[in-house]
Amino acid sequence: MSIKLHYLKPVIFRYLSLVLGLAGLAAIFWFLWPNRLALRLVSLVLGVFYVLWGTVVHLKSGRVSLRVVAEYLGVALLGSLMLWLVI
């Protein structure tokens, strides 16, 4: 195993978990399409998942700060709110 791959392996796993989580929630979103209440709940779960993912990733890397958590909260709030309003 090369040195670069050794350092990239945890990063690939972290972002793969994000992609799989978001894809799973998108599939649930698609499956529940006509039910507005269920879609709004999925949009909230999507935002919570994103905040938790970002916080855990930065905790594991030792670079978590209030500013980082606030950024993840802001992006999640904006995305969830946009989905909530469109549905």
N, C-alpha and C. Protein backbone atom coordinates (compact mmCIF):
# COMPACT_ATOMS: atom_id res chain seq x y z
N MET A 1 0.85 -1.18 0.00
CA MET A 1 0.00 0.00 0.00
C MET A 1 0.90 1.24 0.00
N SER A 2 0.61 2.15 -0.90
CA SER A 2 1.44 3.34 -0.98
C SER A 2 1.11 4.29 0.18
N ILE A 3 2.00 5.21 0.40
CA ILE A 3 1.81 6.17 1.50
C ILE A 3 0.59 7.05 1.24
N LYS A 4 0.38 7.49 0.01
CA LYS A 4 -0.77 8.34 -0.30
C LYS A 4 -2.09 7.61 -0.03
N LEU A 5 -2.17 6.37 -0.43
CA LEU A 5 -3.39 5.60 -0.21
C LEU A 5 -3.63 5.39 1.27
N HIS A 6 -2.56 5.23 2.04
CA HIS A 6 -2.69 5.06 3.48
C HIS A 6 -3.35 6.29 4.12
N TYR A 7 -2.99 7.48 3.66
CA TYR A 7 -3.57 8.70 4.20
C TYR A 7 -4.96 8.99 3.63
N LEU A 8 -5.22 8.54 2.41
CA LEU A 8 -6.51 8.82 1.77
C LEU A 8 -7.62 7.85 2.20
N LYS A 9 -7.25 6.69 2.70
CA LYS A 9 -8.25 5.69 3.05
C LYS A 9 -9.30 6.21 4.04
N PRO A 10 -8.93 6.85 5.14
CA PRO A 10 -9.96 7.37 6.06
C PRO A 10 -10.80 8.47 5.42
N VAL A 11 -10.20 9.29 4.58
CA VAL A 11 -10.93 10.37 3.93
C VAL A 11 -11.96 9.80 2.96
N ILE A 12 -11.55 8.79 2.20
CA ILE A 12 -12.47 8.16 1.26
C ILE A 12 -13.63 7.53 2.01
N PHE A 13 -13.36 6.87 3.13
CA PHE A 13 -14.42 6.25 3.92
C PHE A 13 -15.39 7.31 4.46
N ARG A 14 -14.87 8.42 4.94
CA ARG A 14 -15.74 9.48 5.48
C ARG A 14 -16.69 10.02 4.42
N TYR A 15 -16.15 10.35 3.25
CA TYR A 15 -16.99 10.92 2.22
C TYR A 15 -17.89 9.88 1.56
N LEU A 16 -17.46 8.64 1.54
CA LEU A 16 -18.32 7.57 1.04
C LEU A 16 -19.52 7.40 1.97
N SER A 17 -19.30 7.51 3.28
CA SER A 17 -20.42 7.42 4.22
C SER A 17 -21.39 8.59 4.03
N LEU A 18 -20.88 9.77 3.72
CA LEU A 18 -21.75 10.92 3.45
C LEU A 18 -22.57 10.68 2.18
N VAL A 19 -21.92 10.24 1.12
CA VAL A 19 -22.61 10.01 -0.15
C VAL A 19 -23.67 8.93 0.01
N LEU A 20 -23.33 7.84 0.69
CA LEU A 20 -24.29 6.75 0.88
C LEU A 20 -25.47 7.19 1.75
N GLY A 21 -25.19 7.97 2.79
CA GLY A 21 -26.27 8.47 3.64
C GLY A 21 -27.20 9.40 2.89
N LEU A 22 -26.63 10.31 2.12
CA LEU A 22 -27.46 11.24 1.35
C LEU A 22 -28.23 10.51 0.25
N ALA A 23 -27.58 9.53 -0.38
CA ALA A 23 -28.27 8.76 -1.42
C ALA A 23 -29.41 7.94 -0.83
N GLY A 24 -29.20 7.37 0.35
CA GLY A 24 -30.26 6.63 1.01
C GLY A 24 -31.44 7.51 1.36
N LEU A 25 -31.15 8.70 1.88
CA LEU A 25 -32.23 9.63 2.20
C LEU A 25 -32.93 10.13 0.94
N ALA A 26 -32.18 10.30 -0.14
CA ALA A 26 -32.80 10.71 -1.41
C ALA A 26 -33.72 9.61 -1.93
N ALA A 27 -33.31 8.35 -1.76
CA ALA A 27 -34.17 7.23 -2.18
C ALA A 27 -35.45 7.18 -1.35
N ILE A 28 -35.33 7.39 -0.06
CA ILE A 28 -36.51 7.45 0.81
C ILE A 28 -37.40 8.61 0.40
N PHE A 29 -36.78 9.73 0.09
CA PHE A 29 -37.51 10.92 -0.36
C PHE A 29 -38.31 10.59 -1.61
N TRP A 30 -37.68 9.93 -2.57
CA TRP A 30 -38.33 9.56 -3.83
C TRP A 30 -39.47 8.57 -3.58
N PHE A 31 -39.24 7.61 -2.68
CA PHE A 31 -40.24 6.60 -2.38
C PHE A 31 -41.49 7.19 -1.72
N LEU A 32 -41.31 8.20 -0.90
CA LEU A 32 -42.43 8.81 -0.16
C LEU A 32 -43.03 10.01 -0.89
N TRP A 33 -42.75 10.18 -2.15
CA TRP A 33 -43.02 11.41 -2.89
C TRP A 33 -44.38 12.06 -2.65
N PRO A 34 -45.51 11.43 -2.76
CA PRO A 34 -46.74 12.23 -2.63
C PRO A 34 -47.07 12.66 -1.20
N ASN A 35 -46.48 12.04 -0.20
CA ASN A 35 -46.81 12.33 1.19
C ASN A 35 -46.01 13.54 1.68
N ARG A 36 -46.64 14.70 1.75
CA ARG A 36 -45.93 15.94 2.08
C ARG A 36 -45.36 15.94 3.49
N LEU A 37 -46.13 15.42 4.45
CA LEU A 37 -45.65 15.40 5.83
C LEU A 37 -44.40 14.52 5.96
N ALA A 38 -44.44 13.35 5.35
CA ALA A 38 -43.29 12.44 5.40
C ALA A 38 -42.07 13.07 4.71
N LEU A 39 -42.29 13.76 3.61
CA LEU A 39 -41.17 14.41 2.91
C LEU A 39 -40.56 15.51 3.76
N ARG A 40 -41.38 16.24 4.47
CA ARG A 40 -40.85 17.29 5.36
C ARG A 40 -40.05 16.69 6.50
N LEU A 41 -40.51 15.57 7.02
CA LEU A 41 -39.74 14.90 8.07
C LEU A 41 -38.41 14.38 7.53
N VAL A 42 -38.42 13.85 6.33
CA VAL A 42 -37.17 13.38 5.71
C VAL A 42 -36.21 14.55 5.49
N SER A 43 -36.73 15.71 5.13
CA SER A 43 -35.87 16.88 4.94
C SER A 43 -35.22 17.30 6.26
N LEU A 44 -35.96 17.17 7.37
CA LEU A 44 -35.37 17.48 8.67
C LEU A 44 -34.31 16.43 9.06
N VAL A 45 -34.60 15.16 8.79
CA VAL A 45 -33.62 14.10 9.06
C VAL A 45 -32.37 14.31 8.22
N LEU A 46 -32.55 14.75 7.01
CA LEU A 46 -31.41 15.04 6.13
C LEU A 46 -30.51 16.12 6.75
N GLY A 47 -31.12 17.17 7.25
CA GLY A 47 -30.34 18.24 7.89
C GLY A 47 -29.63 17.77 9.14
N VAL A 48 -30.30 16.98 9.97
CA VAL A 48 -29.68 16.45 11.19
C VAL A 48 -28.54 15.51 10.85
N PHE A 49 -28.74 14.66 9.84
CA PHE A 49 -27.67 13.76 9.40
C PHE A 49 -26.44 14.54 8.96
N TYR A 50 -26.64 15.60 8.20
CA TYR A 50 -25.51 16.39 7.69
C TYR A 50 -24.74 17.05 8.84
N VAL A 51 -25.46 17.60 9.81
CA VAL A 51 -24.78 18.23 10.95
C VAL A 51 -24.02 17.20 11.76
N LEU A 52 -24.64 16.07 12.03
CA LEU A 52 -23.97 15.03 12.80
C LEU A 52 -22.76 14.48 12.06
N TRP A 53 -22.90 14.27 10.75
CA TRP A 53 -21.77 13.77 9.97
C TRP A 53 -20.60 14.75 10.04
N GLY A 54 -20.87 16.01 9.79
CA GLY A 54 -19.80 17.00 9.80
C GLY A 54 -19.14 17.13 11.17
N THR A 55 -19.94 17.10 12.23
CA THR A 55 -19.39 17.22 13.57
C THR A 55 -18.53 16.01 13.91
N VAL A 56 -18.99 14.82 13.59
CA VAL A 56 -18.21 13.61 13.89
C VAL A 56 -16.91 13.59 13.09
N VAL A 57 -16.97 13.95 11.83
CA VAL A 57 -15.76 13.96 11.01
C VAL A 57 -14.73 14.94 11.58
N HIS A 58 -15.17 16.10 11.98
CA HIS A 58 -14.22 17.08 12.52
C HIS A 58 -13.77 16.72 13.94
N LEU A 59 -14.61 16.04 14.71
CA LEU A 59 -14.17 15.56 16.02
C LEU A 59 -13.07 14.52 15.86
N LYS A 60 -13.23 13.60 14.91
CA LYS A 60 -12.23 12.56 14.69
C LYS A 60 -10.92 13.12 14.18
N SER A 61 -10.99 14.20 13.42
CA SER A 61 -9.76 14.79 12.89
C SER A 61 -9.13 15.77 13.88
N GLY A 62 -9.86 16.10 14.95
CA GLY A 62 -9.32 17.01 15.96
C GLY A 62 -9.42 18.47 15.57
N ARG A 63 -10.23 18.79 14.58
CA ARG A 63 -10.33 20.17 14.11
C ARG A 63 -11.73 20.74 14.30
N VAL A 64 -12.44 20.27 15.30
CA VAL A 64 -13.80 20.78 15.52
C VAL A 64 -13.72 22.09 16.30
N SER A 65 -14.59 23.00 15.91
CA SER A 65 -14.70 24.28 16.61
C SER A 65 -16.15 24.73 16.50
N LEU A 66 -16.49 25.72 17.26
CA LEU A 66 -17.84 26.25 17.22
C LEU A 66 -18.16 26.82 15.84
N ARG A 67 -17.17 27.39 15.21
CA ARG A 67 -17.36 27.96 13.87
C ARG A 67 -17.70 26.87 12.84
N VAL A 68 -17.02 25.73 12.93
CA VAL A 68 -17.27 24.61 12.01
C VAL A 68 -18.67 24.07 12.23
N VAL A 69 -19.05 23.86 13.48
CA VAL A 69 -20.39 23.34 13.78
C VAL A 69 -21.45 24.33 13.33
N ALA A 70 -21.22 25.61 13.53
CA ALA A 70 -22.17 26.64 13.09
C ALA A 70 -22.31 26.63 11.57
N GLU A 71 -21.21 26.39 10.86
CA GLU A 71 -21.28 26.33 9.40
C GLU A 71 -22.13 25.14 8.95
N TYR A 72 -21.91 23.98 9.56
CA TYR A 72 -22.73 22.81 9.22
C TYR A 72 -24.19 23.04 9.58
N LEU A 73 -24.45 23.67 10.72
CA LEU A 73 -25.83 23.99 11.10
C LEU A 73 -26.48 24.94 10.10
N GLY A 74 -25.74 25.94 9.67
CA GLY A 74 -26.28 26.90 8.71
C GLY A 74 -26.61 26.28 7.37
N VAL A 75 -25.70 25.46 6.85
CA VAL A 75 -25.94 24.81 5.56
C VAL A 75 -27.11 23.83 5.67
N ALA A 76 -27.16 23.07 6.77
CA ALA A 76 -28.26 22.12 6.96
C ALA A 76 -29.59 22.84 7.10
N LEU A 77 -29.60 23.94 7.84
CA LEU A 77 -30.83 24.71 8.01
C LEU A 77 -31.30 25.28 6.68
N LEU A 78 -30.38 25.82 5.91
CA LEU A 78 -30.73 26.38 4.61
C LEU A 78 -31.27 25.30 3.66
N GLY A 79 -30.59 24.16 3.60
CA GLY A 79 -31.03 23.08 2.72
C GLY A 79 -32.37 22.50 3.14
N SER A 80 -32.53 22.25 4.44
CA SER A 80 -33.79 21.70 4.93
C SER A 80 -34.94 22.68 4.74
N LEU A 81 -34.66 23.94 4.98
CA LEU A 81 -35.69 24.96 4.80
C LEU A 81 -36.11 25.09 3.34
N MET A 82 -35.14 25.01 2.43
CA MET A 82 -35.49 25.07 1.01
C MET A 82 -36.35 23.88 0.60
N LEU A 83 -35.99 22.68 1.07
CA LEU A 83 -36.82 21.52 0.77
C LEU A 83 -38.20 21.65 1.40
N TRP A 84 -38.25 22.13 2.63
CA TRP A 84 -39.51 22.29 3.36
C TRP A 84 -40.44 23.24 2.60
N LEU A 85 -39.90 24.32 2.06
CA LEU A 85 -40.72 25.31 1.38
C LEU A 85 -41.16 24.87 -0.02
N VAL A 86 -40.35 24.06 -0.67
CA VAL A 86 -40.67 23.59 -2.02
C VAL A 86 -41.73 22.49 -1.98
N ILE A 87 -41.71 21.70 -0.94
CA ILE A 87 -42.65 20.56 -0.84
C ILE A 87 -44.05 21.06 -0.59
